[in-house]
Amino acid sequence: MSKREAIFPAGRQALYEKHRYSAAVRSGDLLFVSGQVGSREDGSPEPDFAKQVQLAFDNLGAVLKAAGCNFDDILDVTSFHTDPDRQFETVLAAKDKAFPAKPYPSWTAVGVTWLAGFDFEIKVTARVPVSG
């Protein structure tokens, strides 16, 4: 049985420790990434929605990189939206930038009423590449 290994992006471990969770957990060749939001360096929300979404993808990229992964390794995505109808086109633009070619990961989008001051959150499951 594989042991869990906590993964933290460079320079942001204190934010996760403050709230007592891991940015990601690796078990075997799978990586389970906690929901990433468009938080600035101090953990506060980026007020501009388009920038908040891009920052969430950037923060996700930093977690993936810390685990030796990238966006091509993502298998499954779940995203959370406070106003899906209004936000969808902005999210699609960031999605297309992160996943420019087939095959795309599976994706579930969920409308929610609360994200702790944020308007978008993205969590993923990825396969960690075999180092060779």
C-alpha atoms as a PDB file:
ATOM      1  CA  MET A   1       0.000   0.000   0.000  1.00  0.00           C
ATOM      2  CA  SER A   2       1.367   3.420  -0.955  1.00  0.00           C
ATOM      3  CA  LYS A   3       1.973   6.004   1.708  1.00  0.00           C
ATOM      4  CA  ARG A   4       0.620   9.510   1.310  1.00  0.00           C
ATOM      5  CA  GLU A   5       3.150  12.219   0.540  1.00  0.00           C
ATOM      6  CA  ALA A   6       2.153  15.861   1.059  1.00  0.00           C
ATOM      7  CA  ILE A   7       3.129  18.230  -1.765  1.00  0.00           C
ATOM      8  CA  PHE A   8       3.486  22.002  -1.376  1.00  0.00           C
ATOM      9  CA  PRO A   9       4.386  24.623  -3.997  1.00  0.00           C
ATOM     10  CA  ALA A  10       7.476  26.725  -3.332  1.00  0.00           C
ATOM     11  CA  GLY A  11       6.904  29.622  -0.962  1.00  0.00           C
ATOM     12  CA  ARG A  12       3.276  28.835  -0.052  1.00  0.00           C
ATOM     13  CA  GLN A  13       3.511  26.046   2.516  1.00  0.00           C
ATOM     14  CA  ALA A  14       2.740  28.442   5.410  1.00  0.00           C
ATOM     15  CA  LEU A  15      -0.666  29.261   3.901  1.00  0.00           C
ATOM     16  CA  TYR A  16      -1.564  25.566   3.806  1.00  0.00           C
ATOM     17  CA  GLU A  17      -0.201  24.874   7.272  1.00  0.00           C
ATOM     18  CA  LYS A  18      -2.236  27.784   8.661  1.00  0.00           C
ATOM     19  CA  HIS A  19      -5.409  26.056   7.439  1.00  0.00           C
ATOM     20  CA  ARG A  20      -4.112  22.520   8.158  1.00  0.00           C
ATOM     21  CA  TYR A  21      -4.317  20.834   4.767  1.00  0.00           C
ATOM     22  CA  SER A  22      -1.972  19.841   1.960  1.00  0.00           C
ATOM     23  CA  ALA A  23      -1.864  21.506  -1.438  1.00  0.00           C
ATOM     24  CA  ALA A  24      -1.735  17.999  -2.890  1.00  0.00           C
ATOM     25  CA  VAL A  25      -1.272  14.428  -1.780  1.00  0.00           C
ATOM     26  CA  ARG A  26       0.631  11.887  -3.819  1.00  0.00           C
ATOM     27  CA  SER A  27      -0.222   8.217  -3.438  1.00  0.00           C
ATOM     28  CA  GLY A  28       1.672   5.925  -5.781  1.00  0.00           C
ATOM     29  CA  ASP A  29       1.498   7.483  -9.229  1.00  0.00           C
ATOM     30  CA  LEU A  30      -1.641   9.522  -8.496  1.00  0.00           C
ATOM     31  CA  LEU A  31      -1.705  13.139  -7.386  1.00  0.00           C
ATOM     32  CA  PHE A  32      -4.802  14.576  -5.726  1.00  0.00           C
ATOM     33  CA  VAL A  33      -4.650  18.375  -5.784  1.00  0.00           C
ATOM     34  CA  SER A  34      -6.742  20.393  -3.340  1.00  0.00           C
ATOM     35  CA  GLY A  35      -8.935  23.137  -4.744  1.00  0.00           C
ATOM     36  CA  GLN A  36      -6.799  25.995  -6.028  1.00  0.00           C
ATOM     37  CA  VAL A  37      -8.118  29.539  -5.997  1.00  0.00           C
ATOM     38  CA  GLY A  38      -6.927  32.847  -7.362  1.00  0.00           C
ATOM     39  CA  SER A  39      -5.145  33.888  -4.204  1.00  0.00           C
ATOM     40  CA  ARG A  40      -2.392  36.438  -4.122  1.00  0.00           C
ATOM     41  CA  GLU A  41       0.880  35.870  -2.222  1.00  0.00           C
ATOM     42  CA  ASP A  42      -0.773  36.770   1.117  1.00  0.00           C
ATOM     43  CA  GLY A  43      -3.665  34.369   0.488  1.00  0.00           C
ATOM     44  CA  SER A  44      -6.240  37.084  -0.238  1.00  0.00           C
ATOM     45  CA  PRO A  45      -8.558  36.874  -3.263  1.00  0.00           C
ATOM     46  CA  GLU A  46      -7.618  38.627  -6.501  1.00  0.00           C
ATOM     47  CA  PRO A  47     -10.597  40.987  -7.004  1.00  0.00           C
ATOM     48  CA  ASP A  48     -10.607  40.992 -10.848  1.00  0.00           C
ATOM     49  CA  PHE A  49     -12.414  37.811 -11.932  1.00  0.00           C
ATOM     50  CA  ALA A  50     -10.375  37.102 -15.096  1.00  0.00           C
ATOM     51  CA  LYS A  51      -7.142  37.594 -13.152  1.00  0.00           C
ATOM     52  CA  GLN A  52      -8.503  35.457 -10.299  1.00  0.00           C
ATOM     53  CA  VAL A  53      -9.195  32.576 -12.696  1.00  0.00           C
ATOM     54  CA  GLN A  54      -5.764  32.856 -14.318  1.00  0.00           C
ATOM     55  CA  LEU A  55      -4.123  33.019 -10.891  1.00  0.00           C
ATOM     56  CA  ALA A  56      -6.013  29.859  -9.848  1.00  0.00           C
ATOM     57  CA  PHE A  57      -4.593  28.089 -12.927  1.00  0.00           C
ATOM     58  CA  ASP A  58      -1.137  29.526 -12.140  1.00  0.00           C
ATOM     59  CA  ASN A  59      -1.384  28.294  -8.538  1.00  0.00           C
ATOM     60  CA  LEU A  60      -2.492  24.894  -9.835  1.00  0.00           C
ATOM     61  CA  GLY A  61       0.532  24.859 -12.145  1.00  0.00           C
ATOM     62  CA  ALA A  62       2.834  25.565  -9.201  1.00  0.00           C
ATOM     63  CA  VAL A  63       1.402  22.617  -7.247  1.00  0.00           C
ATOM     64  CA  LEU A  64       1.718  20.329 -10.270  1.00  0.00           C
ATOM     65  CA  LYS A  65       5.320  21.439 -10.793  1.00  0.00           C
ATOM     66  CA  ALA A  66       6.158  20.733  -7.129  1.00  0.00           C
ATOM     67  CA  ALA A  67       5.004  17.144  -7.724  1.00  0.00           C
ATOM     68  CA  GLY A  68       6.916  16.749 -10.994  1.00  0.00           C
ATOM     69  CA  CYS A  69       3.771  17.094 -13.120  1.00  0.00           C
ATOM     70  CA  ASN A  70       2.261  19.519 -15.606  1.00  0.00           C
ATOM     71  CA  PHE A  71      -1.160  20.149 -17.140  1.00  0.00           C
ATOM     72  CA  ASP A  72      -0.700  17.249 -19.589  1.00  0.00           C
ATOM     73  CA  ASP A  73      -0.723  14.860 -16.620  1.00  0.00           C
ATOM     74  CA  ILE A  74      -4.193  15.908 -15.427  1.00  0.00           C
ATOM     75  CA  LEU A  75      -6.840  13.203 -15.729  1.00  0.00           C
ATOM     76  CA  ASP A  76      -9.850  14.755 -14.004  1.00  0.00           C
ATOM     77  CA  VAL A  77     -10.944  18.304 -13.140  1.00  0.00           C
ATOM     78  CA  THR A  78     -13.657  19.639 -10.860  1.00  0.00           C
ATOM     79  CA  SER A  79     -14.297  23.368 -10.877  1.00  0.00           C
ATOM     80  CA  PHE A  80     -16.519  25.436  -8.625  1.00  0.00           C
ATOM     81  CA  HIS A  81     -18.209  28.654  -9.768  1.00  0.00           C
ATOM     82  CA  THR A  82     -20.226  31.244  -7.826  1.00  0.00           C
ATOM     83  CA  ASP A  83     -22.011  32.528 -10.963  1.00  0.00           C
ATOM     84  CA  PRO A  84     -21.536  29.962 -13.742  1.00  0.00           C
ATOM     85  CA  ASP A  85     -23.637  31.701 -16.401  1.00  0.00           C
ATOM     86  CA  ARG A  86     -21.763  34.998 -16.074  1.00  0.00           C
ATOM     87  CA  GLN A  87     -18.322  33.430 -15.560  1.00  0.00           C
ATOM     88  CA  PHE A  88     -18.307  30.609 -18.093  1.00  0.00           C
ATOM     89  CA  GLU A  89     -16.648  32.364 -21.042  1.00  0.00           C
ATOM     90  CA  THR A  90     -13.828  33.705 -18.850  1.00  0.00           C
ATOM     91  CA  VAL A  91     -13.192  30.244 -17.417  1.00  0.00           C
ATOM     92  CA  LEU A  92     -13.268  28.676 -20.893  1.00  0.00           C
ATOM     93  CA  ALA A  93     -10.550  31.073 -22.071  1.00  0.00           C
ATOM     94  CA  ALA A  94      -8.256  30.005 -19.209  1.00  0.00           C
ATOM     95  CA  LYS A  95      -9.199  26.352 -19.764  1.00  0.00           C
ATOM     96  CA  ASP A  96      -8.311  26.582 -23.458  1.00  0.00           C
ATOM     97  CA  LYS A  97      -4.937  28.080 -22.565  1.00  0.00           C
ATOM     98  CA  ALA A  98      -4.191  25.304 -20.024  1.00  0.00           C
ATOM     99  CA  PHE A  99      -5.518  22.472 -22.234  1.00  0.00           C
ATOM    100  CA  PRO A 100      -4.934  23.573 -25.850  1.00  0.00           C
ATOM    101  CA  ALA A 101      -5.145  20.119 -27.456  1.00  0.00           C
ATOM    102  CA  LYS A 102      -6.933  16.785 -27.256  1.00  0.00           C
ATOM    103  CA  PRO A 103      -7.263  14.593 -25.354  1.00  0.00           C
ATOM    104  CA  TYR A 104      -8.840  16.870 -22.760  1.00  0.00           C
ATOM    105  CA  PRO A 105      -9.227  15.755 -19.148  1.00  0.00           C
ATOM    106  CA  SER A 106     -12.656  14.841 -17.853  1.00  0.00           C
ATOM    107  CA  TRP A 107     -14.282  17.908 -16.266  1.00  0.00           C
ATOM    108  CA  THR A 108     -17.157  18.547 -13.871  1.00  0.00           C
ATOM    109  CA  ALA A 109     -18.271  22.136 -13.225  1.00  0.00           C
ATOM    110  CA  VAL A 110     -20.339  22.875 -10.124  1.00  0.00           C
ATOM    111  CA  GLY A 111     -22.236  26.047  -9.227  1.00  0.00           C
ATOM    112  CA  VAL A 112     -21.837  27.003  -5.572  1.00  0.00           C
ATOM    113  CA  THR A 113     -22.844  29.868  -3.293  1.00  0.00           C
ATOM    114  CA  TRP A 114     -19.689  30.179  -1.193  1.00  0.00           C
ATOM    115  CA  LEU A 115     -15.943  29.884  -1.838  1.00  0.00           C
ATOM    116  CA  ALA A 116     -14.513  31.795   1.145  1.00  0.00           C
ATOM    117  CA  GLY A 117     -14.365  35.105  -0.720  1.00  0.00           C
ATOM    118  CA  PHE A 118     -13.329  33.626  -4.066  1.00  0.00           C
ATOM    119  CA  ASP A 119     -15.448  33.155  -7.189  1.00  0.00           C
ATOM    120  CA  PHE A 120     -13.646  30.208  -8.797  1.00  0.00           C
ATOM    121  CA  GLU A 121     -11.866  27.102  -7.553  1.00  0.00           C
ATOM    122  CA  ILE A 122     -10.274  24.211  -9.441  1.00  0.00           C
ATOM    123  CA  LYS A 123      -9.201  20.799  -8.136  1.00  0.00           C
ATOM    124  CA  VAL A 124      -7.646  17.999 -10.131  1.00  0.00           C
ATOM    125  CA  THR A 125      -6.398  14.455 -10.118  1.00  0.00           C
ATOM    126  CA  ALA A 126      -3.221  13.812 -12.108  1.00  0.00           C
ATOM    127  CA  ARG A 127      -0.929  10.903 -12.874  1.00  0.00           C
ATOM    128  CA  VAL A 128       2.666  11.500 -11.824  1.00  0.00           C
ATOM    129  CA  PRO A 129       5.011  10.661 -14.715  1.00  0.00           C
ATOM    130  CA  VAL A 130       7.457   7.836 -14.202  1.00  0.00           C
ATOM    131  CA  SER A 131      10.929   9.357 -13.951  1.00  0.00           C
ATOM    132  CA  GLY A 132      13.206   7.631 -16.232  1.00  0.00           C
END
